[in-house]
Amino acid sequence: SNYQAIRGVEYQEVFLFISQKYWGEILTGIEGASPQQWKKLTCLHTILTRPKDGLTIFVVGESGI
């Protein structure tokens, strides 16, 4: 939620935890996205472009890991 703190910063590796619901939305696309959804997508773009060597995405179910 605080993606502004990592803008302009690079990391060797990033571990990202995403809910199953949000992962599904990413895979299927979002039509008619609200301003809040666009903000989440912008945040995600910033996070995905920070790692230099590796990005690992964990999709977390409703009950957690």
N, C-alpha and C. Protein backbone atom coordinates (compact mmCIF):
# COMPACT_ATOMS: atom_id res chain seq x y z
N SER A 1 0.82 -1.21 0.00
CA SER A 1 0.00 0.00 0.00
C SER A 1 0.86 1.26 0.00
N ASN A 2 2.10 1.16 0.44
CA ASN A 2 2.98 2.33 0.49
C ASN A 2 4.04 2.23 -0.61
N TYR A 3 3.58 2.08 -1.85
CA TYR A 3 4.52 1.88 -2.94
C TYR A 3 5.38 3.10 -3.22
N GLN A 4 4.95 4.28 -2.80
CA GLN A 4 5.76 5.49 -3.01
C GLN A 4 7.12 5.37 -2.33
N ALA A 5 7.20 4.59 -1.26
CA ALA A 5 8.45 4.43 -0.52
C ALA A 5 9.50 3.66 -1.32
N ILE A 6 9.06 2.90 -2.34
CA ILE A 6 10.04 2.12 -3.11
C ILE A 6 10.25 2.66 -4.52
N ARG A 7 9.56 3.73 -4.89
CA ARG A 7 9.77 4.31 -6.22
C ARG A 7 11.20 4.79 -6.34
N GLY A 8 11.85 4.45 -7.45
CA GLY A 8 13.22 4.88 -7.68
C GLY A 8 14.27 4.03 -6.99
N VAL A 9 13.85 3.05 -6.20
CA VAL A 9 14.78 2.18 -5.48
C VAL A 9 14.81 0.83 -6.19
N GLU A 10 15.99 0.24 -6.33
CA GLU A 10 16.09 -1.09 -6.91
C GLU A 10 16.46 -2.09 -5.82
N TYR A 11 15.98 -3.30 -6.00
CA TYR A 11 16.27 -4.39 -5.07
C TYR A 11 16.85 -5.55 -5.85
N GLN A 12 17.67 -6.35 -5.20
CA GLN A 12 18.20 -7.54 -5.86
C GLN A 12 17.07 -8.53 -6.16
N GLU A 13 16.22 -8.75 -5.16
CA GLU A 13 15.15 -9.72 -5.30
C GLU A 13 13.93 -9.23 -4.53
N VAL A 14 12.76 -9.51 -5.07
CA VAL A 14 11.52 -9.11 -4.42
C VAL A 14 10.63 -10.35 -4.26
N PHE A 15 10.04 -10.49 -3.08
CA PHE A 15 9.06 -11.54 -2.80
C PHE A 15 7.72 -10.83 -2.63
N LEU A 16 6.76 -11.18 -3.47
CA LEU A 16 5.47 -10.51 -3.48
C LEU A 16 4.37 -11.50 -3.11
N PHE A 17 3.55 -11.14 -2.14
CA PHE A 17 2.43 -11.97 -1.71
C PHE A 17 1.14 -11.30 -2.21
N ILE A 18 0.36 -12.05 -3.01
CA ILE A 18 -0.87 -11.54 -3.61
C ILE A 18 -2.01 -12.49 -3.27
N SER A 19 -3.16 -11.92 -2.96
CA SER A 19 -4.32 -12.77 -2.66
C SER A 19 -4.77 -13.50 -3.93
N GLN A 20 -5.40 -14.62 -3.72
CA GLN A 20 -5.90 -15.43 -4.82
C GLN A 20 -6.89 -14.63 -5.68
N LYS A 21 -7.71 -13.85 -5.02
CA LYS A 21 -8.71 -13.04 -5.73
C LYS A 21 -8.03 -12.01 -6.63
N TYR A 22 -7.06 -11.30 -6.09
CA TYR A 22 -6.36 -10.26 -6.87
C TYR A 22 -5.57 -10.89 -8.01
N TRP A 23 -4.96 -12.04 -7.77
CA TRP A 23 -4.22 -12.75 -8.83
C TRP A 23 -5.16 -13.10 -9.98
N GLY A 24 -6.36 -13.57 -9.64
CA GLY A 24 -7.36 -13.88 -10.65
C GLY A 24 -7.75 -12.66 -11.47
N GLU A 25 -7.89 -11.52 -10.81
CA GLU A 25 -8.21 -10.27 -11.51
C GLU A 25 -7.09 -9.88 -12.46
N ILE A 26 -5.86 -10.07 -12.03
CA ILE A 26 -4.71 -9.73 -12.88
C ILE A 26 -4.71 -10.62 -14.13
N LEU A 27 -4.96 -11.91 -13.93
CA LEU A 27 -4.92 -12.86 -15.05
C LEU A 27 -6.06 -12.66 -16.04
N THR A 28 -7.23 -12.31 -15.55
CA THR A 28 -8.39 -12.17 -16.44
C THR A 28 -8.61 -10.75 -16.93
N GLY A 29 -7.98 -9.79 -16.28
CA GLY A 29 -8.17 -8.39 -16.67
C GLY A 29 -9.34 -7.77 -15.93
N ILE A 30 -9.33 -6.46 -15.87
CA ILE A 30 -10.38 -5.73 -15.17
C ILE A 30 -10.99 -4.73 -16.14
N GLU A 31 -12.27 -4.90 -16.44
CA GLU A 31 -12.96 -3.95 -17.30
C GLU A 31 -13.61 -2.88 -16.45
N GLY A 32 -13.53 -1.65 -16.90
CA GLY A 32 -14.16 -0.55 -16.18
C GLY A 32 -13.58 -0.35 -14.79
N ALA A 33 -12.25 -0.37 -14.71
CA ALA A 33 -11.58 -0.25 -13.41
C ALA A 33 -11.89 1.08 -12.74
N SER A 34 -12.10 1.01 -11.45
CA SER A 34 -12.35 2.22 -10.65
C SER A 34 -11.02 2.92 -10.39
N PRO A 35 -11.05 4.17 -9.92
CA PRO A 35 -9.80 4.86 -9.57
C PRO A 35 -8.97 4.09 -8.53
N GLN A 36 -9.63 3.43 -7.58
CA GLN A 36 -8.90 2.66 -6.57
C GLN A 36 -8.22 1.46 -7.21
N GLN A 37 -8.88 0.81 -8.17
CA GLN A 37 -8.27 -0.33 -8.85
C GLN A 37 -7.09 0.11 -9.71
N TRP A 38 -7.20 1.28 -10.35
CA TRP A 38 -6.08 1.79 -11.14
C TRP A 38 -4.89 2.10 -10.25
N LYS A 39 -5.17 2.61 -9.06
CA LYS A 39 -4.08 2.89 -8.12
C LYS A 39 -3.36 1.60 -7.74
N LYS A 40 -4.13 0.52 -7.49
CA LYS A 40 -3.53 -0.77 -7.15
C LYS A 40 -2.68 -1.29 -8.32
N LEU A 41 -3.17 -1.12 -9.54
CA LEU A 41 -2.41 -1.58 -10.71
C LEU A 41 -1.14 -0.78 -10.91
N THR A 42 -1.20 0.53 -10.68
CA THR A 42 -0.01 1.37 -10.77
C THR A 42 1.00 0.95 -9.72
N CYS A 43 0.53 0.68 -8.52
CA CYS A 43 1.38 0.21 -7.44
C CYS A 43 2.04 -1.11 -7.84
N LEU A 44 1.28 -2.02 -8.41
CA LEU A 44 1.81 -3.31 -8.82
C LEU A 44 2.89 -3.14 -9.88
N HIS A 45 2.69 -2.25 -10.83
CA HIS A 45 3.70 -2.00 -11.86
C HIS A 45 5.00 -1.52 -11.23
N THR A 46 4.89 -0.61 -10.28
CA THR A 46 6.09 -0.10 -9.60
C THR A 46 6.82 -1.23 -8.88
N ILE A 47 6.08 -2.07 -8.19
CA ILE A 47 6.68 -3.18 -7.44
C ILE A 47 7.34 -4.18 -8.38
N LEU A 48 6.68 -4.51 -9.49
CA LEU A 48 7.21 -5.51 -10.42
C LEU A 48 8.45 -5.06 -11.16
N THR A 49 8.68 -3.76 -11.23
CA THR A 49 9.86 -3.26 -11.96
C THR A 49 11.04 -2.95 -11.05
N ARG A 50 10.97 -3.22 -9.76
CA ARG A 50 12.06 -2.91 -8.83
C ARG A 50 13.15 -3.97 -8.76
N PRO A 51 12.86 -5.26 -8.85
CA PRO A 51 13.93 -6.25 -8.65
C PRO A 51 14.89 -6.31 -9.84
N LYS A 52 16.20 -6.44 -9.53
CA LYS A 52 17.21 -6.55 -10.56
C LYS A 52 17.44 -8.00 -10.97
N ASP A 53 17.40 -8.92 -10.03
CA ASP A 53 17.74 -10.31 -10.31
C ASP A 53 16.58 -11.29 -10.23
N GLY A 54 15.63 -11.06 -9.36
CA GLY A 54 14.59 -12.06 -9.19
C GLY A 54 13.31 -11.50 -8.62
N LEU A 55 12.21 -12.09 -9.07
CA LEU A 55 10.89 -11.75 -8.55
C LEU A 55 10.16 -13.07 -8.29
N THR A 56 9.70 -13.26 -7.06
CA THR A 56 8.95 -14.44 -6.70
C THR A 56 7.57 -13.98 -6.23
N ILE A 57 6.54 -14.56 -6.85
CA ILE A 57 5.17 -14.20 -6.49
C ILE A 57 4.52 -15.37 -5.79
N PHE A 58 4.00 -15.12 -4.60
CA PHE A 58 3.26 -16.11 -3.83
C PHE A 58 1.78 -15.75 -3.90
N VAL A 59 0.96 -16.68 -4.37
CA VAL A 59 -0.48 -16.46 -4.41
C VAL A 59 -1.06 -17.12 -3.18
N VAL A 60 -1.65 -16.31 -2.31
CA VAL A 60 -2.12 -16.76 -1.01
C VAL A 60 -3.62 -16.98 -1.05
N GLY A 61 -4.06 -18.15 -0.60
CA GLY A 61 -5.48 -18.48 -0.56
C GLY A 61 -6.17 -17.76 0.58
N GLU A 62 -7.45 -17.99 0.68
CA GLU A 62 -8.27 -17.34 1.70
C GLU A 62 -7.81 -17.64 3.11
N SER A 63 -7.29 -18.84 3.34
CA SER A 63 -6.90 -19.22 4.69
C SER A 63 -5.44 -18.88 5.00
N GLY A 64 -4.74 -18.25 4.05
CA GLY A 64 -3.32 -17.90 4.26
C GLY A 64 -2.42 -18.93 3.66
N ILE A 65 -1.16 -18.86 4.03
CA ILE A 65 -0.16 -19.78 3.46
C ILE A 65 -0.20 -21.11 4.18
